[in-house]
Protein backbone atom coordinates (compact mmCIF):
# COMPACT_ATOMS: atom_id res chain seq x y z
CA MET A 1 0.02 0.29 -0.18
CA PRO A 2 1.53 3.71 -0.78
CA SER A 3 2.74 5.18 2.30
CA SER A 4 1.00 8.63 0.95
CA LEU A 5 -2.17 6.43 1.26
CA LEU A 6 -1.10 5.78 5.14
CA LEU A 7 -0.33 9.45 6.13
CA GLU A 8 -3.37 10.46 4.37
CA VAL A 9 -5.55 8.05 5.84
CA PRO A 10 -3.83 6.88 9.08
CA ALA A 11 -6.64 4.07 9.99
CA LEU A 12 -5.41 1.78 6.61
CA ALA A 13 -2.13 1.46 8.78
CA ASP A 14 -3.98 -1.11 11.39
CA PHE A 15 -5.78 -2.70 8.47
CA ASN A 16 -3.07 -3.36 6.20
CA ARG A 17 -0.95 -5.00 8.92
CA ALA A 18 -3.82 -7.48 9.73
CA TRP A 19 -4.38 -8.15 5.98
CA THR A 20 -0.67 -8.64 5.48
CA GLU A 21 -0.74 -10.79 8.70
CA LEU A 22 -3.64 -12.92 7.45
CA THR A 23 -1.95 -13.36 4.02
CA ASP A 24 1.35 -14.57 5.18
CA TRP A 25 -0.57 -17.09 7.37
CA LEU A 26 -2.67 -18.01 4.29
CA SER A 27 0.54 -18.48 1.71
CA LEU A 28 2.37 -20.36 4.31
CA LEU A 29 -0.71 -22.89 5.13
CA ASP A 30 -0.89 -23.10 1.12
CA ARG A 31 2.71 -24.22 0.82
CA VAL A 32 2.48 -26.65 3.76
CA ILE A 33 -0.46 -28.31 2.11
CA LYS A 34 1.42 -28.70 -1.13
CA SER A 35 4.66 -29.92 0.19
CA GLN A 36 3.11 -32.68 2.55
CA ARG A 37 3.35 -35.86 0.74
CA VAL A 38 2.51 -39.25 1.93
CA MET A 39 3.73 -42.90 1.21
CA VAL A 40 1.16 -44.27 -1.06
CA GLY A 41 -0.26 -47.65 -0.27
CA ASP A 42 0.86 -47.07 3.38
CA LEU A 43 -2.62 -47.02 5.10
CA GLU A 44 -1.00 -45.50 8.62
CA ASP A 45 0.68 -42.75 6.85
CA ILE A 46 -2.44 -41.78 4.63
CA ASN A 47 -4.85 -41.57 7.60
CA GLU A 48 -2.35 -39.75 9.44
CA MET A 49 -2.35 -37.24 6.86
CA ILE A 50 -6.21 -36.94 6.38
CA ASN A 51 -6.44 -36.40 10.44
CA LYS A 52 -3.92 -33.42 9.87
CA GLN A 53 -5.76 -32.12 6.84
CA LYS A 54 -8.88 -32.29 9.05
CA ALA A 55 -6.87 -30.39 12.03
CA THR A 56 -5.77 -27.66 9.19
CA LEU A 57 -9.10 -27.15 7.83
CA GLN A 58 -10.55 -26.69 11.35
CA ASP A 59 -7.65 -23.90 11.82
CA LEU A 60 -8.61 -22.41 9.07
CA GLU A 61 -12.30 -21.90 9.91
CA GLN A 62 -11.25 -21.13 13.58
CA ARG A 63 -9.42 -17.91 11.54
CA ARG A 64 -12.84 -17.20 9.42
CA PRO A 65 -13.80 -14.95 11.91
CA GLN A 66 -10.38 -13.08 11.47
CA LEU A 67 -11.42 -12.59 7.56
CA GLU A 68 -14.70 -11.50 8.55
CA GLU A 69 -13.37 -9.06 10.74
CA LEU A 70 -10.88 -7.64 8.33
CA ILE A 71 -13.82 -7.49 5.55
CA THR A 72 -16.05 -5.33 7.99
CA ALA A 73 -13.01 -3.03 8.72
CA ALA A 74 -12.49 -2.68 4.91
CA GLN A 75 -15.71 -1.49 4.21
CA ASN A 76 -16.04 0.95 7.27
CA LEU A 77 -12.74 2.43 6.42
CA LYS A 78 -14.61 2.80 2.77
CA ASN A 79 -17.36 4.26 3.88
CA LYS A 80 -15.61 6.68 6.11
CA THR A 81 -12.97 8.10 3.56
CA SER A 82 -13.29 10.03 0.47
CA ASN A 83 -10.19 9.32 -1.20
CA GLN A 84 -10.75 7.30 -4.19
CA GLU A 85 -7.58 5.83 -4.55
CA ALA A 86 -7.83 4.42 -1.07
CA ARG A 87 -11.20 2.91 -1.22
CA THR A 88 -9.79 0.96 -5.23
CA VAL A 89 -6.63 0.05 -2.96
CA ILE A 90 -8.94 -1.57 -0.23
CA THR A 91 -11.38 -3.05 -2.28
CA ASP A 92 -8.56 -4.67 -4.25
CA GLN A 93 -6.78 -6.02 -1.27
CA ILE A 94 -9.87 -7.34 0.16
CA GLU A 95 -10.66 -9.26 -3.19
CA ARG A 96 -7.21 -10.78 -3.19
CA ILE A 97 -7.15 -11.84 0.26
CA GLN A 98 -10.97 -13.57 -0.19
CA ASN A 99 -9.69 -15.11 -3.46
CA GLN A 100 -6.56 -16.38 -1.60
CA TRP A 101 -8.71 -17.95 1.04
CA ASP A 102 -11.01 -19.57 -1.12
CA GLU A 103 -7.82 -21.03 -2.77
CA VAL A 104 -6.17 -22.56 0.62
CA HIS A 105 -9.84 -24.10 1.20
CA GLU A 106 -10.27 -25.19 -2.28
CA HIS A 107 -6.87 -26.96 -1.85
CA LEU A 108 -7.66 -28.36 1.49
CA GLN A 109 -10.40 -29.86 0.23
CA ASN A 110 -9.18 -31.39 -2.93
CA ARG A 111 -6.36 -32.97 -0.89
CA ARG A 112 -8.77 -34.20 1.66
CA GLN A 113 -10.99 -36.05 -1.17
CA GLN A 114 -7.49 -37.02 -2.93
CA LEU A 115 -6.51 -38.63 0.34
CA ASN A 116 -9.52 -40.46 0.64
CA GLU A 117 -9.78 -41.70 -2.67
CA MET A 118 -6.23 -42.68 -2.17
CA LEU A 119 -6.79 -44.52 0.83
CA LYS A 120 -9.94 -46.44 -1.03
CA ASP A 121 -7.58 -47.22 -4.09
CA SER A 122 -4.18 -48.20 -1.44
CA THR A 123 -6.83 -50.68 0.18
CA GLN A 124 -7.79 -52.21 -2.63
CA TRP A 125 -4.25 -52.62 -3.72
CA LEU A 126 -3.27 -53.91 -0.44
CA GLU A 127 -5.84 -56.69 -0.69
CA ALA A 128 -5.12 -57.29 -4.34
CA LYS A 129 -1.36 -57.50 -3.10
CA GLU A 130 -2.07 -60.04 -0.23
CA GLU A 131 -4.05 -62.22 -2.66
CA ALA A 132 -1.34 -62.17 -5.10
CA GLU A 133 1.77 -62.72 -2.48
CA GLN A 134 -0.54 -65.54 -1.20
CA VAL A 135 -0.94 -67.32 -4.80
CA THR A 136 2.64 -66.51 -5.10
CA GLY A 137 3.80 -68.22 -2.01
CA GLN A 138 1.57 -71.11 -2.80
CA ALA A 139 3.25 -72.15 -6.20
CA ARG A 140 6.50 -71.71 -4.58
CA ALA A 141 5.42 -73.83 -1.98
CA LYS A 142 4.53 -76.30 -4.71
CA LEU A 143 8.04 -76.23 -6.43
CA GLU A 144 9.68 -76.50 -3.22
CA SER A 145 7.86 -79.45 -2.10
CA TRP A 146 8.60 -81.59 -5.28
CA LYS A 147 11.42 -84.72 -4.95
CA GLU A 148 13.40 -86.26 -7.07
CA ALA A 149 10.78 -88.95 -8.89
CA PRO A 150 11.74 -92.78 -9.48
CA TYR A 151 13.36 -92.78 -13.15
CA THR A 152 10.27 -95.02 -14.36
CA VAL A 153 7.58 -94.07 -16.79
CA ASP A 154 4.92 -93.92 -14.71
CA ALA A 155 6.79 -91.91 -12.06
CA ILE A 156 7.63 -89.57 -14.54
CA GLN A 157 3.97 -89.47 -15.79
CA LYS A 158 2.88 -88.59 -12.34
CA LYS A 159 5.20 -85.79 -11.90
CA ILE A 160 4.15 -84.12 -15.27
CA THR A 161 0.62 -84.61 -14.51
CA GLU A 162 1.59 -82.70 -11.54
CA THR A 163 3.51 -79.84 -13.30
CA LYS A 164 0.88 -79.42 -16.02
CA GLN A 165 -1.87 -79.03 -12.90
CA LEU A 166 0.47 -76.38 -11.16
CA ALA A 167 0.69 -74.73 -14.52
CA LYS A 168 -3.29 -74.60 -15.00
CA ASP A 169 -3.40 -73.25 -11.39
CA LEU A 170 -0.62 -70.28 -12.61
CA ARG A 171 -2.98 -69.30 -15.54
CA GLN A 172 -6.04 -69.36 -13.14
CA TRP A 173 -4.06 -67.37 -10.18
CA GLN A 174 -2.58 -65.20 -13.19
CA VAL A 175 -5.55 -63.10 -12.77
CA ASN A 176 -4.47 -62.29 -9.22
CA VAL A 177 -1.21 -60.79 -10.14
CA ASP A 178 -2.81 -59.02 -12.96
CA VAL A 179 -5.35 -56.92 -10.61
CA ALA A 180 -2.91 -56.16 -8.34
CA ASN A 181 -0.71 -54.80 -11.12
CA ASP A 182 -3.68 -53.23 -12.55
CA LEU A 183 -4.29 -51.29 -8.91
CA ALA A 184 -0.83 -50.78 -8.82
CA LEU A 185 -0.52 -48.74 -12.08
CA LYS A 186 -3.75 -46.72 -11.02
CA LEU A 187 -1.41 -45.85 -7.67
CA LEU A 188 1.39 -44.86 -9.40
CA ARG A 189 -0.20 -43.11 -12.15
CA ASP A 190 -3.12 -40.94 -10.30
CA TYR A 191 -0.52 -40.27 -7.44
CA SER A 192 2.83 -40.02 -8.74
CA ALA A 193 3.15 -36.12 -6.77
CA ASP A 194 2.99 -38.18 -3.60
CA ASP A 195 5.74 -41.25 -2.56
CA THR A 196 5.08 -44.11 -4.48
CA ARG A 197 8.19 -45.85 -3.77
CA LYS A 198 6.68 -48.75 -1.84
CA VAL A 199 3.90 -49.69 -4.16
CA HIS A 200 6.60 -50.02 -7.07
CA MET A 201 9.00 -51.62 -5.06
CA ILE A 202 6.45 -54.59 -4.26
CA THR A 203 5.03 -54.78 -7.28
CA GLU A 204 8.42 -55.14 -9.27
CA ASN A 205 9.25 -58.03 -6.26
CA ILE A 206 5.77 -59.59 -7.00
CA ASN A 207 6.24 -59.91 -10.37
CA ALA A 208 9.93 -60.61 -10.70
CA SER A 209 8.73 -63.98 -8.23
CA TRP A 210 5.80 -64.48 -10.59
CA GLY A 211 8.19 -64.69 -13.51
CA ASN A 212 10.76 -67.03 -12.24
CA ILE A 213 7.48 -69.17 -10.90
CA HIS A 214 6.62 -69.50 -14.38
CA LYS A 215 10.35 -70.13 -16.18
CA ARG A 216 10.94 -72.69 -13.59
CA VAL A 217 7.75 -74.74 -14.33
CA ASN A 218 7.94 -74.30 -18.01
CA GLU A 219 11.34 -75.56 -17.70
CA ARG A 220 10.45 -78.65 -15.21
CA GLU A 221 7.53 -79.50 -17.39
CA ALA A 222 9.88 -79.46 -20.74
CA ALA A 223 12.33 -81.36 -18.80
CA LEU A 224 9.93 -83.86 -17.47
CA GLU A 225 8.16 -84.45 -21.40
CA GLU A 226 12.02 -84.87 -22.73
CA THR A 227 12.77 -87.61 -19.81
CA HIS A 228 9.48 -89.34 -20.60
CA ARG A 229 9.93 -89.28 -24.36
CA LEU A 230 13.98 -91.25 -23.55
CA LEU A 231 12.33 -93.28 -20.91
CA LYS A 232 9.37 -94.99 -23.22
CA GLN A 233 12.25 -94.75 -25.82
CA PHE A 234 14.95 -96.37 -23.72
CA PRO A 235 14.03 -100.06 -23.90
CA LEU A 236 13.15 -100.33 -27.50
CA ASP A 237 16.76 -98.46 -28.13
CA LEU A 238 18.71 -100.89 -25.66
CA GLU A 239 16.74 -104.01 -27.51
CA LYS A 240 17.87 -102.28 -31.22
CA PHE A 241 20.99 -101.72 -29.94
CA LEU A 242 21.54 -105.30 -28.55
CA ALA A 243 20.25 -106.93 -31.43
CA TRP A 244 22.86 -104.87 -33.56
CA LEU A 245 25.63 -106.35 -31.20
CA THR A 246 24.48 -109.97 -31.88
CA GLU A 247 24.63 -109.41 -35.53
CA ALA A 248 28.45 -107.63 -35.25
CA GLU A 249 29.60 -110.55 -32.79
CA THR A 250 28.74 -113.14 -35.61
CA THR A 251 30.35 -110.73 -38.31
CA ALA A 252 33.40 -110.42 -35.66
CA ASN A 253 33.93 -114.19 -35.11
CA VAL A 254 33.50 -114.98 -39.20
CA LEU A 255 36.70 -112.57 -39.10
CA GLN A 256 38.28 -113.46 -36.15
CA ASP A 257 38.36 -117.59 -37.47
CA ALA A 258 39.41 -116.26 -41.33
CA THR A 259 42.51 -114.15 -39.51
CA HIS A 260 44.08 -117.42 -37.86
CA THR A 261 44.10 -119.32 -41.07
CA GLU A 262 47.08 -120.77 -41.64
CA ARG A 263 49.64 -119.26 -44.46
CA LEU A 264 47.55 -116.18 -44.06
CA LEU A 265 50.83 -114.36 -44.71
CA GLU A 266 51.46 -115.62 -48.38
CA ASP A 267 48.02 -114.56 -49.22
CA SER A 268 48.29 -110.71 -49.60
CA LYS A 269 44.93 -110.63 -51.79
CA GLY A 270 43.04 -112.30 -49.25
CA VAL A 271 44.77 -109.82 -46.27
CA ARG A 272 43.59 -106.94 -48.17
CA GLU A 273 40.08 -108.07 -48.58
CA LEU A 274 40.03 -109.49 -44.87
CA MET A 275 41.27 -105.71 -44.09
CA LYS A 276 38.62 -104.28 -45.71
CA GLN A 277 36.00 -105.92 -43.99
CA TRP A 278 37.23 -105.42 -40.49
CA GLN A 279 37.26 -101.68 -41.65
CA ASP A 280 33.34 -101.89 -42.51
CA LEU A 281 32.86 -103.75 -38.87
CA GLN A 282 35.23 -101.31 -36.98
CA GLY A 283 32.98 -98.34 -38.86
CA GLU A 284 29.94 -99.85 -37.77
CA ILE A 285 31.33 -100.08 -34.08
CA GLU A 286 32.67 -96.36 -34.58
CA ALA A 287 28.84 -95.48 -35.65
CA HIS A 288 27.53 -97.08 -32.33
CA THR A 289 29.61 -95.85 -29.86
CA ASP A 290 27.61 -92.84 -29.06
CA ILE A 291 24.33 -94.84 -28.76
CA TYR A 292 26.43 -97.22 -26.54
CA HIS A 293 27.36 -94.52 -24.18
CA ASN A 294 23.57 -92.67 -24.30
CA LEU A 295 22.19 -96.54 -23.01
CA ASP A 296 24.58 -96.95 -20.36
CA GLU A 297 24.01 -93.34 -19.33
CA ASN A 298 20.34 -93.21 -19.47
CA GLY A 299 20.25 -96.77 -17.73
CA GLN A 300 22.51 -95.86 -15.16
CA LYS A 301 19.93 -92.86 -14.20
CA ILE A 302 17.33 -95.24 -14.09
CA LEU A 303 19.17 -97.68 -12.08
CA ARG A 304 19.61 -94.85 -9.22
CA SER A 305 16.10 -94.04 -8.95
CA LEU A 306 14.97 -97.78 -8.73
CA GLU A 307 17.71 -98.78 -6.05
CA GLY A 308 16.26 -101.62 -4.76
CA SER A 309 13.62 -103.02 -6.17
CA ASP A 310 13.33 -106.05 -8.92
CA GLU A 311 13.12 -103.81 -11.76
CA ALA A 312 16.52 -102.55 -11.12
CA ALA A 313 17.77 -105.76 -10.62
CA LEU A 314 16.49 -106.83 -14.08
CA LEU A 315 18.13 -103.70 -15.87
CA GLN A 316 21.07 -104.63 -14.07
CA ARG A 317 21.39 -107.82 -15.77
CA ARG A 318 20.64 -106.36 -19.05
CA LEU A 319 23.22 -103.11 -18.86
CA ASP A 320 26.17 -105.62 -17.60
CA ASN A 321 25.46 -108.13 -20.60
CA MET A 322 25.12 -104.97 -23.15
CA ASN A 323 28.70 -103.67 -21.39
CA PHE A 324 30.35 -107.21 -21.60
CA LYS A 325 29.16 -107.76 -25.35
CA TRP A 326 30.36 -104.40 -26.02
CA THR A 327 33.85 -104.23 -24.29
CA GLU A 328 34.36 -108.16 -26.03
CA LEU A 329 33.24 -106.72 -29.47
CA ARG A 330 36.08 -103.93 -29.31
CA LYS A 331 38.63 -106.04 -27.92
CA LYS A 332 37.82 -108.48 -30.53
CA SER A 333 37.77 -106.31 -33.47
CA LEU A 334 41.32 -104.63 -32.25
CA SER A 335 42.49 -108.36 -31.94
CA ILE A 336 41.36 -108.91 -35.73
CA ARG A 337 43.11 -105.60 -36.87
CA SER A 338 46.32 -106.82 -34.68
CA HIS A 339 46.24 -110.26 -36.63
CA LEU A 340 45.83 -108.67 -39.97
CA GLU A 341 48.45 -105.88 -39.34
CA ALA A 342 50.90 -108.81 -38.52
CA SER A 343 50.06 -110.53 -41.42
CA SER A 344 51.21 -107.58 -43.81
CA ASP A 345 54.66 -105.67 -43.77
CA GLN A 346 53.60 -105.69 -39.74
CA TRP A 347 56.36 -103.56 -38.38
CA LYS A 348 55.80 -101.07 -41.10
CA ARG A 349 52.35 -101.29 -40.06
CA LEU A 350 52.89 -100.84 -36.43
CA HIS A 351 55.38 -98.11 -36.95
CA LEU A 352 53.01 -95.75 -38.52
CA SER A 353 50.23 -96.60 -35.93
CA LEU A 354 52.56 -95.95 -33.31
CA GLN A 355 53.04 -92.41 -35.03
CA GLU A 356 49.71 -91.98 -35.53
CA LEU A 357 49.18 -92.42 -31.41
CA LEU A 358 52.32 -90.43 -30.59
CA VAL A 359 50.38 -87.52 -32.99
CA TRP A 360 46.96 -88.07 -31.68
CA LEU A 361 48.47 -88.27 -27.99
CA GLN A 362 50.57 -84.80 -28.40
CA LEU A 363 47.06 -83.26 -30.00
CA LYS A 364 44.75 -84.29 -27.11
CA ASP A 365 47.25 -82.88 -24.82
CA ASP A 366 47.47 -79.55 -26.38
CA GLU A 367 43.51 -79.72 -26.56
CA LEU A 368 43.30 -80.25 -22.74
CA SER A 369 46.04 -77.64 -22.07
CA ARG A 370 43.66 -75.24 -24.17
CA GLN A 371 40.43 -76.04 -21.65
CA ALA A 372 42.67 -73.90 -18.97
CA PRO A 373 42.60 -71.69 -17.34
CA ILE A 374 39.57 -72.62 -15.18
CA ALA A 375 36.67 -69.99 -15.55
CA GLY A 376 35.18 -67.52 -13.29
CA ASP A 377 31.58 -68.37 -12.93
CA PHE A 378 29.36 -71.31 -12.42
CA PRO A 379 27.82 -71.59 -16.04
CA ALA A 380 30.97 -71.42 -17.15
CA VAL A 381 33.01 -73.74 -15.67
CA GLN A 382 30.05 -76.33 -15.56
CA LYS A 383 30.34 -75.90 -19.26
CA GLN A 384 34.03 -76.57 -19.00
CA ASN A 385 33.11 -79.80 -17.17
CA ASP A 386 30.72 -81.00 -19.88
CA VAL A 387 33.60 -80.16 -22.80
CA HIS A 388 35.94 -82.62 -20.35
CA ARG A 389 33.43 -85.09 -19.69
CA ALA A 390 33.22 -85.20 -23.68
CA PHE A 391 37.05 -85.52 -23.98
CA LYS A 392 37.05 -88.23 -21.24
CA ARG A 393 34.79 -90.36 -23.18
CA GLU A 394 36.96 -89.72 -26.41
CA LEU A 395 40.49 -90.93 -24.17
CA LYS A 396 38.13 -94.37 -22.55
CA THR A 397 37.22 -94.99 -26.64
CA LYS A 398 40.64 -94.47 -27.35
CA GLU A 399 42.22 -96.75 -24.57
CA PRO A 400 41.33 -100.18 -26.08
CA VAL A 401 43.21 -99.22 -29.41
CA ILE A 402 46.37 -98.25 -27.57
CA MET A 403 46.36 -101.05 -24.96
CA SER A 404 45.87 -103.17 -28.16
CA THR A 405 48.25 -101.89 -30.12
CA LEU A 406 51.15 -101.77 -27.53
CA GLU A 407 50.50 -105.47 -27.14
CA THR A 408 50.78 -106.42 -30.76
CA VAL A 409 54.34 -104.80 -30.45
CA ARG A 410 54.84 -106.93 -27.52
CA ILE A 411 53.78 -110.04 -29.09
CA PHE A 412 55.68 -108.83 -32.03
CA LEU A 413 58.91 -108.36 -30.77
CA THR A 414 58.90 -111.28 -28.66
CA ASP A 415 57.60 -113.98 -31.57
CA GLN A 416 59.89 -112.83 -34.66
CA PRO A 417 62.86 -114.11 -34.60
CA LEU A 418 65.88 -112.02 -35.69
CA GLU A 419 66.43 -113.25 -39.17
CA GLY A 420 62.45 -112.36 -39.74
CA LEU A 421 63.02 -109.09 -38.75
CA GLU A 422 66.12 -108.69 -40.99
CA LYS A 423 63.41 -109.58 -43.96
CA LEU A 424 60.96 -107.39 -42.87
CA TYR A 425 63.60 -104.31 -42.56
CA GLN A 426 65.37 -103.86 -45.97
CA GLU A 427 66.88 -100.66 -45.42
CA PRO A 428 69.81 -99.56 -45.67
CA ARG A 429 71.46 -102.35 -47.65
CA GLU A 430 74.51 -101.86 -46.54
CA LEU A 431 73.74 -102.34 -42.92
CA PRO A 432 74.33 -106.10 -42.02
CA PRO A 433 71.17 -108.35 -41.10
CA GLU A 434 71.86 -108.64 -37.48
CA GLU A 435 72.04 -104.76 -37.28
CA ARG A 436 69.02 -104.23 -38.97
CA ALA A 437 66.58 -106.44 -37.29
CA GLN A 438 68.28 -104.84 -33.92
CA ASN A 439 67.06 -101.45 -35.19
CA VAL A 440 63.68 -102.47 -35.95
CA THR A 441 63.31 -103.81 -32.25
CA ARG A 442 65.04 -100.52 -30.85
CA LEU A 443 62.85 -98.22 -33.08
CA LEU A 444 59.37 -100.08 -32.39
CA ARG A 445 60.31 -100.65 -28.36
CA LYS A 446 61.29 -96.85 -28.37
CA GLN A 447 57.96 -95.85 -29.87
CA ALA A 448 55.86 -97.78 -27.93
CA GLU A 449 57.63 -96.63 -24.58
CA GLU A 450 56.66 -93.14 -25.58
CA VAL A 451 53.19 -94.04 -26.66
CA ASN A 452 52.84 -95.69 -22.96
CA SER A 453 54.19 -93.09 -20.99
CA GLU A 454 52.49 -89.90 -22.91
CA TRP A 455 49.20 -92.05 -22.42
CA GLU A 456 49.79 -92.17 -18.76
CA LYS A 457 50.66 -88.11 -18.72
CA LEU A 458 47.74 -87.49 -20.75
CA ASN A 459 45.46 -89.41 -18.14
CA LEU A 460 47.34 -87.62 -14.78
CA HIS A 461 46.62 -84.35 -16.81
CA SER A 462 43.17 -85.18 -17.35
CA ALA A 463 42.50 -86.40 -13.93
CA ASP A 464 44.21 -83.56 -12.63
CA TRP A 465 41.98 -81.17 -14.75
CA GLN A 466 38.65 -82.85 -13.38
CA ARG A 467 39.44 -82.07 -9.87
CA LYS A 468 40.23 -78.69 -10.43
CA ILE A 469 36.73 -78.88 -11.74
CA ASP A 470 35.34 -80.31 -8.95
CA GLU A 471 36.51 -78.24 -6.44
CA THR A 472 35.84 -75.30 -8.35
CA LEU A 473 32.10 -76.17 -9.30
CA GLU A 474 31.89 -76.57 -5.65
CA ARG A 475 33.19 -73.35 -4.57
CA LEU A 476 31.63 -71.50 -7.32
CA GLN A 477 28.33 -73.02 -6.68
CA GLU A 478 28.95 -72.09 -2.82
CA LEU A 479 29.25 -68.75 -3.61
CA GLN A 480 26.39 -68.20 -6.03
CA GLU A 481 24.16 -69.96 -3.27
CA ALA A 482 25.53 -67.30 -0.71
CA MET A 483 25.25 -64.34 -3.22
CA GLY A 484 21.74 -65.28 -3.66
CA GLU A 485 20.63 -65.34 -0.11
CA LEU A 486 22.27 -62.17 0.43
CA ASP A 487 20.70 -60.73 -2.38
CA HIS A 488 17.36 -62.20 -1.21
CA LYS A 489 17.99 -60.72 2.58
CA LEU A 490 19.35 -57.04 0.96
CA HIS A 491 16.38 -56.85 -1.18
CA GLN A 492 14.34 -57.36 1.44
CA ALA A 493 15.49 -54.59 3.86
CA GLU A 494 15.64 -52.06 1.05
CA VAL A 495 12.03 -52.46 0.41
CA ILE A 496 11.78 -51.67 4.39
CA LYS A 497 13.94 -48.91 3.64
CA GLY A 498 12.53 -47.56 0.58
CA SER A 499 8.90 -47.40 1.98
CA TRP A 500 10.30 -44.69 4.48
CA GLN A 501 9.86 -40.83 3.63
CA PRO A 502 12.55 -38.57 2.79
CA VAL A 503 14.34 -37.33 6.07
CA GLY A 504 13.32 -33.40 4.76
CA ASP A 505 9.44 -34.87 4.01
CA LEU A 506 8.99 -35.51 7.90
CA LEU A 507 7.10 -33.74 10.46
CA ILE A 508 8.20 -33.27 13.87
CA ASP A 509 5.81 -35.38 15.25
CA SER A 510 6.29 -38.52 12.95
CA LEU A 511 10.29 -38.30 13.60
CA GLN A 512 9.90 -40.52 16.90
CA ASP A 513 8.00 -43.27 15.01
CA HIS A 514 10.57 -43.47 12.29
CA LEU A 515 13.39 -43.43 14.59
CA GLU A 516 11.87 -46.47 15.99
CA LYS A 517 11.50 -48.12 12.35
CA VAL A 518 15.14 -47.57 12.27
CA LYS A 519 16.28 -49.24 15.24
CA THR A 520 14.28 -52.20 13.91
CA LEU A 521 16.03 -52.28 10.94
CA ARG A 522 19.36 -51.71 12.37
CA GLY A 523 18.56 -54.99 14.43
CA GLU A 524 17.48 -56.52 11.38
CA ILE A 525 20.06 -56.60 9.09
CA THR A 526 23.23 -56.47 11.74
CA PRO A 527 23.34 -60.32 11.19
CA LEU A 528 23.88 -59.88 7.50
CA LYS A 529 27.30 -58.59 8.29
CA GLU A 530 28.13 -62.90 8.41
CA ASN A 531 26.61 -63.06 5.21
CA VAL A 532 28.44 -60.44 3.46
CA ASN A 533 32.12 -61.75 5.28
CA HIS A 534 31.14 -65.51 4.20
CA ILE A 535 30.84 -64.18 0.19
CA ASN A 536 34.22 -62.37 0.48
CA ASP A 537 35.85 -65.15 1.88
CA LEU A 538 34.69 -67.33 -0.53
CA ALA A 539 35.84 -65.01 -3.40
CA ARG A 540 39.22 -64.70 -1.61
CA GLN A 541 39.53 -68.57 -1.21
CA LEU A 542 38.75 -68.65 -5.12
CA THR A 543 41.45 -66.04 -6.09
CA THR A 544 44.07 -67.75 -3.63
CA LEU A 545 43.37 -71.20 -6.08
CA GLY A 546 44.34 -69.00 -8.94
CA ILE A 547 40.86 -68.59 -10.21
CA GLN A 548 40.01 -65.00 -12.00
CA LEU A 549 36.41 -64.42 -11.01
CA SER A 550 34.12 -63.20 -13.81
CA PRO A 551 33.57 -60.08 -14.31
CA TYR A 552 29.48 -60.79 -13.62
CA ASN A 553 30.65 -62.63 -10.47
CA LEU A 554 33.14 -59.31 -9.50
CA SER A 555 30.18 -56.90 -10.64
CA THR A 556 27.84 -59.12 -8.44
CA LEU A 557 30.07 -59.03 -5.45
CA GLU A 558 30.86 -55.28 -5.45
CA ASP A 559 27.06 -54.92 -6.06
CA LEU A 560 26.31 -56.64 -2.55
CA ASN A 561 28.86 -55.10 -0.92
CA THR A 562 27.71 -51.56 -1.76
CA ARG A 563 24.41 -52.57 -0.98
CA TRP A 564 25.54 -53.25 1.93
CA LYS A 565 27.11 -50.22 3.04
CA LEU A 566 24.07 -48.14 1.85
CA LEU A 567 22.12 -49.81 4.13
CA GLN A 568 24.34 -49.05 6.93
CA VAL A 569 21.70 -47.39 9.67
CA PRO A 570 23.91 -44.89 11.92
CA HIS A 571 23.97 -42.66 8.75
CA PHE A 572 19.84 -42.48 8.83
CA GLN A 573 19.47 -42.43 12.65
CA GLN A 574 21.96 -39.29 12.69
CA SER A 575 19.83 -37.46 10.06
CA TYR A 576 16.56 -38.34 12.16
CA CYS A 577 18.52 -36.86 14.98
CA ASN A 578 19.60 -33.73 13.24
CA VAL A 579 16.22 -33.00 12.41
CA ARG A 580 14.61 -33.67 15.56
């Protein structure tokens, strides 16, 4: 108000002071109304704010006489003064404070209505959330209750039926999760100006758990279906393989008889024909090797699940019969090869066979070395384990060949007289016959010793690598489980902490309640220090063993440690105390 008017109309000074006081109070009240935020989904917090709004509205109504007195005083001043400028200023101020009053009153009414709607929507969401968490818990409990079933068609079919029933239940329960999500989205959309962290975190947690359950059920159903198919096919495949074994045994017996024919050495054409027949037989054996291993592995799984039953004893006999026939067939095939090689330039063939074996052993040792170093996370080491299992199967497959070749060399060197060796070894011609024979003996014996030595080294190398894989898998699995447990516990604590209001938004009368929440959380997270120390100790143990953790594991460890530090309560407690 212009100072000249105050001098000309002294009564305006008192009016102006009263007007300013009421205007300032209304402005402050409006700012408080607009700054007050509540935790959406927290019924206690919302009800508390509704009560505060009621009290604020009562305060406003208690001030109404002051507004009316001000309006009356203004009217009296206008009647007493003839100064047109003063009358205009008074009218303007009264209109402004009346409008301000109405706006504040409207803000209070709108906020009160919004809080009541928020209370209703939050109540509906909390009820839907409880139902969603209930069905999620039921599904998780069902999953956790499933145990390993006997490896039989009937038992697996029963598990498939149970899994399909759970999948059906999940489809029916999906509506509970969808309703909770829809109500959560409404809260997030309609009350975005307030604190929606609680709704967001809980909804995210429910959806993550629900999605994980769906994934596990789908994976289990697919695995059971595949197992069921294999189990139904297993007896048919076993019968078919045993029938082939019988035919192959007959062929091998005929060939073996033929290789023991007298004067076979002089019939080079017959040797070549028999060698071709042997190669055909060996080709079939190699083509059936994977079939044999698969039948053996699946049969062992079935046996473990049927332990102690009559069916197990019957299956064990059939598997033993299969293994015996398979081993005998391979031995017989290698024996046929040895006899045929002994009948045609044997020392050269043995020399080439030993050379090939030495090259193969070196290649396999290089291949095994390339499997190192050990990886730094469980899935990668599991993959290394699968690769090495396939590698060991190759060694197992090759072992009879190596043993047969070494035995053939031993027999050859034992049975052949020096004059026989001299005839076989024709170069260099200037050497005397006895020295030529000794060179053959020395060469074959040296190569055989190298093959035997390299074979033993390769097996030791493989065994050492397998031990390292097994130890690493055990420790990484322990680390993975420990990190998963800590992540779950940290997430629970973070949801609680995330539901707190920011320190700056707290009112004085709510500080004590928040301090109690802080103390409670501190008591709950203190034991987590042992979990944090445990994962860090496991990581150090792996490093000590020369295992470099993967970037993912290192990142997860860093994330867990950081989240633990951020959860430390003293910082928040001090902040509350400062505000208090």
